[in-house]
Amino acid sequence: MEAYWLRAILSLVIVVLLIVQGQRATATLARRRAFQFGAAAFGFFALSNAMYALGWQRSDQFSLVALLGVILIGASAFMLVRGFQKGEMRGQIREAQDMIAEEKRKNEERIRELERKDSDDTVTR
């Protein structure tokens, strides 16, 4: 039973994080809705875990609450994809591409440095 209370509490923490992330999201509707749906879904998951901890897992309401959580997760994923298709995440994608390019450049630089050290070691032998 304690594990279900822990899951309920962790779900509520995720709800808060998703609400904060949704507020920080740009004014684009799809991304904001995705975070809102995700927060609602985890709210339903918290409620279903609390219901289970209280021994209400055999009730119809338990099944309905769990099903609503799953449906809202699906809606959240759909809204994220929709936002991606509309180009709402262009800035984040560009930023991620820049970070990847920078890491690639650093790795190539490290490899050249190691090759230089290796060639210096063979020359001194």
N, C-alpha and C. Protein backbone atom coordinates (compact mmCIF):
# COMPACT_ATOMS: atom_id res chain seq x y z
N MET A 1 0.81 -1.20 0.00
CA MET A 1 0.00 0.00 0.00
C MET A 1 0.86 1.26 0.00
N GLU A 2 1.97 1.25 0.72
CA GLU A 2 2.81 2.43 0.80
C GLU A 2 3.37 2.81 -0.57
N ALA A 3 3.62 1.81 -1.40
CA ALA A 3 4.15 2.08 -2.74
C ALA A 3 3.14 2.89 -3.56
N TYR A 4 1.87 2.63 -3.37
CA TYR A 4 0.85 3.37 -4.12
C TYR A 4 0.76 4.81 -3.66
N TRP A 5 0.95 5.04 -2.36
CA TRP A 5 0.97 6.42 -1.87
C TRP A 5 2.19 7.15 -2.42
N LEU A 6 3.32 6.45 -2.48
CA LEU A 6 4.53 7.05 -3.04
C LEU A 6 4.32 7.41 -4.51
N ARG A 7 3.68 6.50 -5.25
CA ARG A 7 3.39 6.77 -6.66
C ARG A 7 2.46 7.97 -6.80
N ALA A 8 1.48 8.06 -5.92
CA ALA A 8 0.54 9.18 -5.97
C ALA A 8 1.27 10.49 -5.72
N ILE A 9 2.16 10.50 -4.75
CA ILE A 9 2.91 11.71 -4.43
C ILE A 9 3.84 12.09 -5.59
N LEU A 10 4.52 11.10 -6.15
CA LEU A 10 5.41 11.37 -7.29
C LEU A 10 4.61 11.87 -8.50
N SER A 11 3.43 11.32 -8.69
CA SER A 11 2.58 11.80 -9.78
C SER A 11 2.19 13.25 -9.57
N LEU A 12 1.91 13.62 -8.34
CA LEU A 12 1.57 15.02 -8.05
C LEU A 12 2.76 15.94 -8.28
N VAL A 13 3.96 15.46 -7.98
CA VAL A 13 5.16 16.25 -8.26
C VAL A 13 5.29 16.48 -9.77
N ILE A 14 5.03 15.44 -10.54
CA ILE A 14 5.09 15.56 -12.00
C ILE A 14 4.02 16.53 -12.49
N VAL A 15 2.84 16.51 -11.86
CA VAL A 15 1.78 17.46 -12.21
C VAL A 15 2.29 18.89 -12.05
N VAL A 16 2.91 19.16 -10.93
CA VAL A 16 3.42 20.52 -10.68
C VAL A 16 4.48 20.89 -11.71
N LEU A 17 5.39 19.96 -12.00
CA LEU A 17 6.45 20.23 -12.98
C LEU A 17 5.87 20.51 -14.36
N LEU A 18 4.86 19.75 -14.75
CA LEU A 18 4.25 19.96 -16.06
C LEU A 18 3.49 21.29 -16.13
N ILE A 19 2.85 21.66 -15.03
CA ILE A 19 2.16 22.95 -15.00
C ILE A 19 3.17 24.09 -15.15
N VAL A 20 4.27 24.00 -14.43
CA VAL A 20 5.31 25.03 -14.53
C VAL A 20 5.88 25.07 -15.94
N GLN A 21 6.15 23.91 -16.51
CA GLN A 21 6.69 23.86 -17.87
C GLN A 21 5.70 24.43 -18.87
N GLY A 22 4.41 24.15 -18.66
CA GLY A 22 3.39 24.70 -19.54
C GLY A 22 3.32 26.21 -19.46
N GLN A 23 3.53 26.76 -18.29
CA GLN A 23 3.52 28.21 -18.14
C GLN A 23 4.75 28.84 -18.78
N ARG A 24 5.85 28.13 -18.77
CA ARG A 24 7.08 28.64 -19.39
C ARG A 24 7.07 28.50 -20.90
N ALA A 25 6.21 27.62 -21.41
CA ALA A 25 6.16 27.40 -22.85
C ALA A 25 5.76 28.69 -23.53
N THR A 26 6.23 28.84 -24.74
CA THR A 26 5.86 30.03 -25.49
C THR A 26 4.35 30.05 -25.68
N ALA A 27 3.86 31.10 -26.20
CA ALA A 27 2.42 31.29 -26.30
C ALA A 27 1.75 30.39 -27.35
N THR A 28 2.46 29.40 -27.84
CA THR A 28 1.90 28.51 -28.84
C THR A 28 0.89 27.57 -28.18
N LEU A 29 -0.22 27.42 -28.81
CA LEU A 29 -1.33 26.70 -28.22
C LEU A 29 -1.07 25.20 -28.09
N ALA A 30 -0.52 24.57 -29.11
CA ALA A 30 -0.36 23.12 -29.08
C ALA A 30 0.56 22.66 -27.96
N ARG A 31 1.71 23.30 -27.80
CA ARG A 31 2.63 22.91 -26.74
C ARG A 31 2.03 23.14 -25.37
N ARG A 32 1.39 24.28 -25.20
CA ARG A 32 0.78 24.60 -23.91
C ARG A 32 -0.30 23.57 -23.58
N ARG A 33 -1.12 23.21 -24.57
CA ARG A 33 -2.16 22.20 -24.37
C ARG A 33 -1.54 20.84 -24.04
N ALA A 34 -0.43 20.53 -24.70
CA ALA A 34 0.23 19.24 -24.44
C ALA A 34 0.64 19.15 -22.97
N PHE A 35 1.22 20.21 -22.44
CA PHE A 35 1.62 20.20 -21.03
C PHE A 35 0.39 20.15 -20.11
N GLN A 36 -0.66 20.84 -20.50
CA GLN A 36 -1.88 20.81 -19.68
C GLN A 36 -2.50 19.42 -19.67
N PHE A 37 -2.57 18.79 -20.84
CA PHE A 37 -3.11 17.42 -20.89
C PHE A 37 -2.23 16.46 -20.09
N GLY A 38 -0.92 16.63 -20.20
CA GLY A 38 -0.01 15.78 -19.43
C GLY A 38 -0.19 15.95 -17.94
N ALA A 39 -0.34 17.20 -17.50
CA ALA A 39 -0.57 17.46 -16.08
C ALA A 39 -1.88 16.84 -15.61
N ALA A 40 -2.92 16.97 -16.43
CA ALA A 40 -4.21 16.37 -16.06
C ALA A 40 -4.10 14.85 -16.00
N ALA A 41 -3.37 14.26 -16.96
CA ALA A 41 -3.21 12.81 -16.97
C ALA A 41 -2.51 12.34 -15.70
N PHE A 42 -1.44 13.01 -15.32
CA PHE A 42 -0.74 12.59 -14.10
C PHE A 42 -1.57 12.87 -12.86
N GLY A 43 -2.45 13.86 -12.93
CA GLY A 43 -3.39 14.07 -11.83
C GLY A 43 -4.32 12.88 -11.68
N PHE A 44 -4.80 12.36 -12.81
CA PHE A 44 -5.64 11.16 -12.77
C PHE A 44 -4.85 9.94 -12.30
N PHE A 45 -3.58 9.85 -12.70
CA PHE A 45 -2.76 8.74 -12.23
C PHE A 45 -2.55 8.82 -10.72
N ALA A 46 -2.35 10.03 -10.20
CA ALA A 46 -2.21 10.21 -8.75
C ALA A 46 -3.49 9.78 -8.05
N LEU A 47 -4.63 10.18 -8.62
CA LEU A 47 -5.91 9.80 -8.02
C LEU A 47 -6.12 8.29 -8.07
N SER A 48 -5.77 7.65 -9.18
CA SER A 48 -5.95 6.20 -9.27
C SER A 48 -5.04 5.46 -8.29
N ASN A 49 -3.82 5.96 -8.09
CA ASN A 49 -2.93 5.33 -7.11
C ASN A 49 -3.46 5.52 -5.69
N ALA A 50 -4.00 6.69 -5.41
CA ALA A 50 -4.59 6.91 -4.09
C ALA A 50 -5.80 6.02 -3.89
N MET A 51 -6.62 5.87 -4.93
CA MET A 51 -7.79 4.98 -4.83
C MET A 51 -7.36 3.55 -4.57
N TYR A 52 -6.30 3.12 -5.25
CA TYR A 52 -5.80 1.76 -5.06
C TYR A 52 -5.28 1.59 -3.64
N ALA A 53 -4.57 2.57 -3.15
CA ALA A 53 -4.03 2.50 -1.79
C ALA A 53 -5.16 2.42 -0.75
N LEU A 54 -6.30 3.02 -1.06
CA LEU A 54 -7.44 2.98 -0.15
C LEU A 54 -8.30 1.73 -0.32
N GLY A 55 -7.93 0.88 -1.29
CA GLY A 55 -8.66 -0.36 -1.48
C GLY A 55 -9.85 -0.25 -2.42
N TRP A 56 -9.88 0.79 -3.23
CA TRP A 56 -11.01 1.01 -4.14
C TRP A 56 -10.71 0.54 -5.56
N GLN A 57 -9.77 -0.40 -5.72
CA GLN A 57 -9.36 -0.80 -7.05
C GLN A 57 -10.40 -1.63 -7.79
N ARG A 58 -11.40 -2.13 -7.12
CA ARG A 58 -12.41 -2.94 -7.78
C ARG A 58 -13.63 -2.12 -8.21
N SER A 59 -13.62 -0.85 -8.00
CA SER A 59 -14.77 -0.02 -8.35
C SER A 59 -14.69 0.43 -9.81
N ASP A 60 -15.85 0.78 -10.35
CA ASP A 60 -15.91 1.27 -11.73
C ASP A 60 -15.20 2.62 -11.85
N GLN A 61 -15.25 3.40 -10.79
CA GLN A 61 -14.61 4.71 -10.82
C GLN A 61 -13.09 4.57 -10.99
N PHE A 62 -12.52 3.54 -10.38
CA PHE A 62 -11.09 3.31 -10.51
C PHE A 62 -10.73 3.10 -11.96
N SER A 63 -11.47 2.25 -12.64
CA SER A 63 -11.21 1.98 -14.06
C SER A 63 -11.38 3.23 -14.90
N LEU A 64 -12.40 4.01 -14.60
CA LEU A 64 -12.65 5.24 -15.35
C LEU A 64 -11.51 6.25 -15.15
N VAL A 65 -11.06 6.40 -13.93
CA VAL A 65 -9.97 7.35 -13.63
C VAL A 65 -8.69 6.92 -14.35
N ALA A 66 -8.36 5.65 -14.30
CA ALA A 66 -7.16 5.15 -14.98
C ALA A 66 -7.28 5.32 -16.50
N LEU A 67 -8.44 5.03 -17.05
CA LEU A 67 -8.66 5.18 -18.48
C LEU A 67 -8.54 6.64 -18.91
N LEU A 68 -9.09 7.55 -18.14
CA LEU A 68 -8.96 8.97 -18.45
C LEU A 68 -7.50 9.41 -18.45
N GLY A 69 -6.71 8.90 -17.53
CA GLY A 69 -5.29 9.21 -17.51
C GLY A 69 -4.59 8.76 -18.78
N VAL A 70 -4.89 7.56 -19.22
CA VAL A 70 -4.27 7.03 -20.45
C VAL A 70 -4.71 7.85 -21.66
N ILE A 71 -5.99 8.19 -21.73
CA ILE A 71 -6.49 8.99 -22.85
C ILE A 71 -5.81 10.35 -22.88
N LEU A 72 -5.65 10.97 -21.72
CA LEU A 72 -5.01 12.28 -21.67
C LEU A 72 -3.53 12.24 -22.03
N ILE A 73 -2.85 11.15 -21.69
CA ILE A 73 -1.45 10.99 -22.12
C ILE A 73 -1.40 10.93 -23.65
N GLY A 74 -2.33 10.18 -24.24
CA GLY A 74 -2.40 10.12 -25.70
C GLY A 74 -2.67 11.49 -26.32
N ALA A 75 -3.58 12.25 -25.70
CA ALA A 75 -3.88 13.59 -26.19
C ALA A 75 -2.66 14.50 -26.06
N SER A 76 -1.93 14.34 -24.99
CA SER A 76 -0.72 15.14 -24.78
C SER A 76 0.32 14.84 -25.87
N ALA A 77 0.53 13.57 -26.14
CA ALA A 77 1.49 13.19 -27.18
C ALA A 77 1.03 13.71 -28.54
N PHE A 78 -0.26 13.62 -28.82
CA PHE A 78 -0.80 14.13 -30.08
C PHE A 78 -0.55 15.62 -30.22
N MET A 79 -0.78 16.37 -29.15
CA MET A 79 -0.59 17.82 -29.20
C MET A 79 0.89 18.18 -29.37
N LEU A 80 1.79 17.39 -28.78
CA LEU A 80 3.22 17.64 -28.99
C LEU A 80 3.60 17.43 -30.45
N VAL A 81 3.09 16.35 -31.03
CA VAL A 81 3.38 16.08 -32.45
C VAL A 81 2.79 17.18 -33.31
N ARG A 82 1.58 17.60 -32.99
CA ARG A 82 0.94 18.67 -33.75
C ARG A 82 1.74 19.98 -33.66
N GLY A 83 2.22 20.29 -32.47
CA GLY A 83 3.05 21.47 -32.31
C GLY A 83 4.34 21.37 -33.10
N PHE A 84 4.91 20.18 -33.12
CA PHE A 84 6.14 19.96 -33.89
C PHE A 84 5.87 20.17 -35.38
N GLN A 85 4.75 19.64 -35.86
CA GLN A 85 4.41 19.79 -37.27
C GLN A 85 4.15 21.24 -37.65
N LYS A 86 3.60 22.01 -36.73
CA LYS A 86 3.33 23.42 -37.00
C LYS A 86 4.59 24.27 -36.89
N GLY A 87 5.68 23.68 -36.44
CA GLY A 87 6.93 24.42 -36.31
C GLY A 87 7.06 25.18 -35.01
N GLU A 88 6.25 24.82 -34.01
CA GLU A 88 6.29 25.51 -32.74
C GLU A 88 7.58 25.27 -31.96
N MET A 89 8.29 24.21 -32.31
CA MET A 89 9.50 23.87 -31.56
C MET A 89 10.76 24.11 -32.39
N ARG A 90 10.63 24.98 -33.39
CA ARG A 90 11.78 25.26 -34.25
C ARG A 90 12.98 25.76 -33.46
N GLY A 91 12.74 26.66 -32.52
CA GLY A 91 13.83 27.22 -31.73
C GLY A 91 14.55 26.16 -30.91
N GLN A 92 13.78 25.27 -30.27
CA GLN A 92 14.39 24.21 -29.47
C GLN A 92 15.14 23.22 -30.35
N ILE A 93 14.60 22.92 -31.52
CA ILE A 93 15.27 21.99 -32.43
C ILE A 93 16.57 22.61 -32.93
N ARG A 94 16.54 23.88 -33.28
CA ARG A 94 17.75 24.56 -33.73
C ARG A 94 18.80 24.58 -32.62
N GLU A 95 18.35 24.85 -31.40
CA GLU A 95 19.27 24.87 -30.25
C GLU A 95 19.89 23.49 -30.04
N ALA A 96 19.09 22.44 -30.14
CA ALA A 96 19.62 21.08 -29.98
C ALA A 96 20.61 20.75 -31.10
N GLN A 97 20.31 21.17 -32.32
CA GLN A 97 21.23 20.93 -33.44
C GLN A 97 22.54 21.66 -33.22
N ASP A 98 22.47 22.88 -32.71
CA ASP A 98 23.69 23.64 -32.42
C ASP A 98 24.52 22.95 -31.34
N MET A 99 23.85 22.45 -30.31
CA MET A 99 24.57 21.75 -29.23
C MET A 99 25.24 20.49 -29.76
N ILE A 100 24.54 19.75 -30.62
CA ILE A 100 25.11 18.53 -31.21
C ILE A 100 26.32 18.88 -32.07
N ALA A 101 26.20 19.92 -32.88
CA ALA A 101 27.32 20.34 -33.73
C ALA A 101 28.52 20.75 -32.88
N GLU A 102 28.27 21.46 -31.78
CA GLU A 102 29.36 21.88 -30.89
C GLU A 102 30.04 20.67 -30.26
N GLU A 103 29.27 19.71 -29.80
CA GLU A 103 29.85 18.49 -29.21
C GLU A 103 30.65 17.71 -30.25
N LYS A 104 30.12 17.66 -31.46
CA LYS A 104 30.83 16.96 -32.53
C LYS A 104 32.18 17.63 -32.80
N ARG A 105 32.18 18.97 -32.84
CA ARG A 105 33.41 19.71 -33.06
C ARG A 105 34.41 19.45 -31.94
N LYS A 106 33.93 19.44 -30.68
CA LYS A 106 34.80 19.18 -29.53
C LYS A 106 35.38 17.77 -29.59
N ASN A 107 34.56 16.79 -29.95
CA ASN A 107 35.04 15.41 -30.05
C ASN A 107 36.09 15.27 -31.14
N GLU A 108 35.87 15.92 -32.28
CA GLU A 108 36.87 15.86 -33.36
C GLU A 108 38.17 16.50 -32.91
N GLU A 109 38.07 17.59 -32.15
CA GLU A 109 39.26 18.26 -31.63
C GLU A 109 40.01 17.34 -30.66
N ARG A 110 39.29 16.66 -29.80
CA ARG A 110 39.91 15.72 -28.85
C ARG A 110 40.60 14.58 -29.59
N ILE A 111 39.96 14.08 -30.63
CA ILE A 111 40.55 12.99 -31.41
C ILE A 111 41.84 13.46 -32.07
N ARG A 112 41.84 14.65 -32.64
CA ARG A 112 43.06 15.18 -33.26
C ARG A 112 44.16 15.33 -32.22
N GLU A 113 43.81 15.81 -31.03
CA GLU A 113 44.80 15.98 -29.96
C GLU A 113 45.38 14.63 -29.54
N LEU A 114 44.53 13.62 -29.41
CA LEU A 114 45.02 12.29 -29.05
C LEU A 114 45.90 11.71 -30.15
N GLU A 115 45.53 11.93 -31.40
CA GLU A 115 46.35 11.44 -32.51
C GLU A 115 47.71 12.13 -32.53
N ARG A 116 47.71 13.44 -32.22
CA ARG A 116 48.96 14.18 -32.15
C ARG A 116 49.85 13.63 -31.05
N LYS A 117 49.26 13.38 -29.88
CA LYS A 117 50.04 12.84 -28.77
C LYS A 117 50.58 11.45 -29.11
N ASP A 118 49.76 10.66 -29.79
CA ASP A 118 50.17 9.32 -30.16
C ASP A 118 51.33 9.38 -31.15
N SER A 119 51.25 10.27 -32.12
CA SER A 119 52.32 10.38 -33.10
C SER A 119 53.60 10.94 -32.44
N ASP A 120 53.48 11.84 -31.48
CA ASP A 120 54.63 12.37 -30.74
C ASP A 120 55.30 11.26 -29.93
N ASP A 121 54.52 10.38 -29.35
CA ASP A 121 55.05 9.27 -28.56
C ASP A 121 55.83 8.29 -29.45
N THR A 122 55.34 8.03 -30.63
CA THR A 122 56.03 7.09 -31.53
C THR A 122 57.31 7.70 -32.07
N VAL A 123 57.37 9.01 -32.25
CA VAL A 123 58.56 9.68 -32.75
C VAL A 123 59.66 9.66 -31.67
N THR A 124 59.32 9.85 -30.42
CA THR A 124 60.31 9.88 -29.36
C THR A 124 60.85 8.51 -29.04
N ARG A 125 60.19 7.47 -29.45
CA ARG A 125 60.68 6.11 -29.17
C ARG A 125 61.75 5.78 -30.09
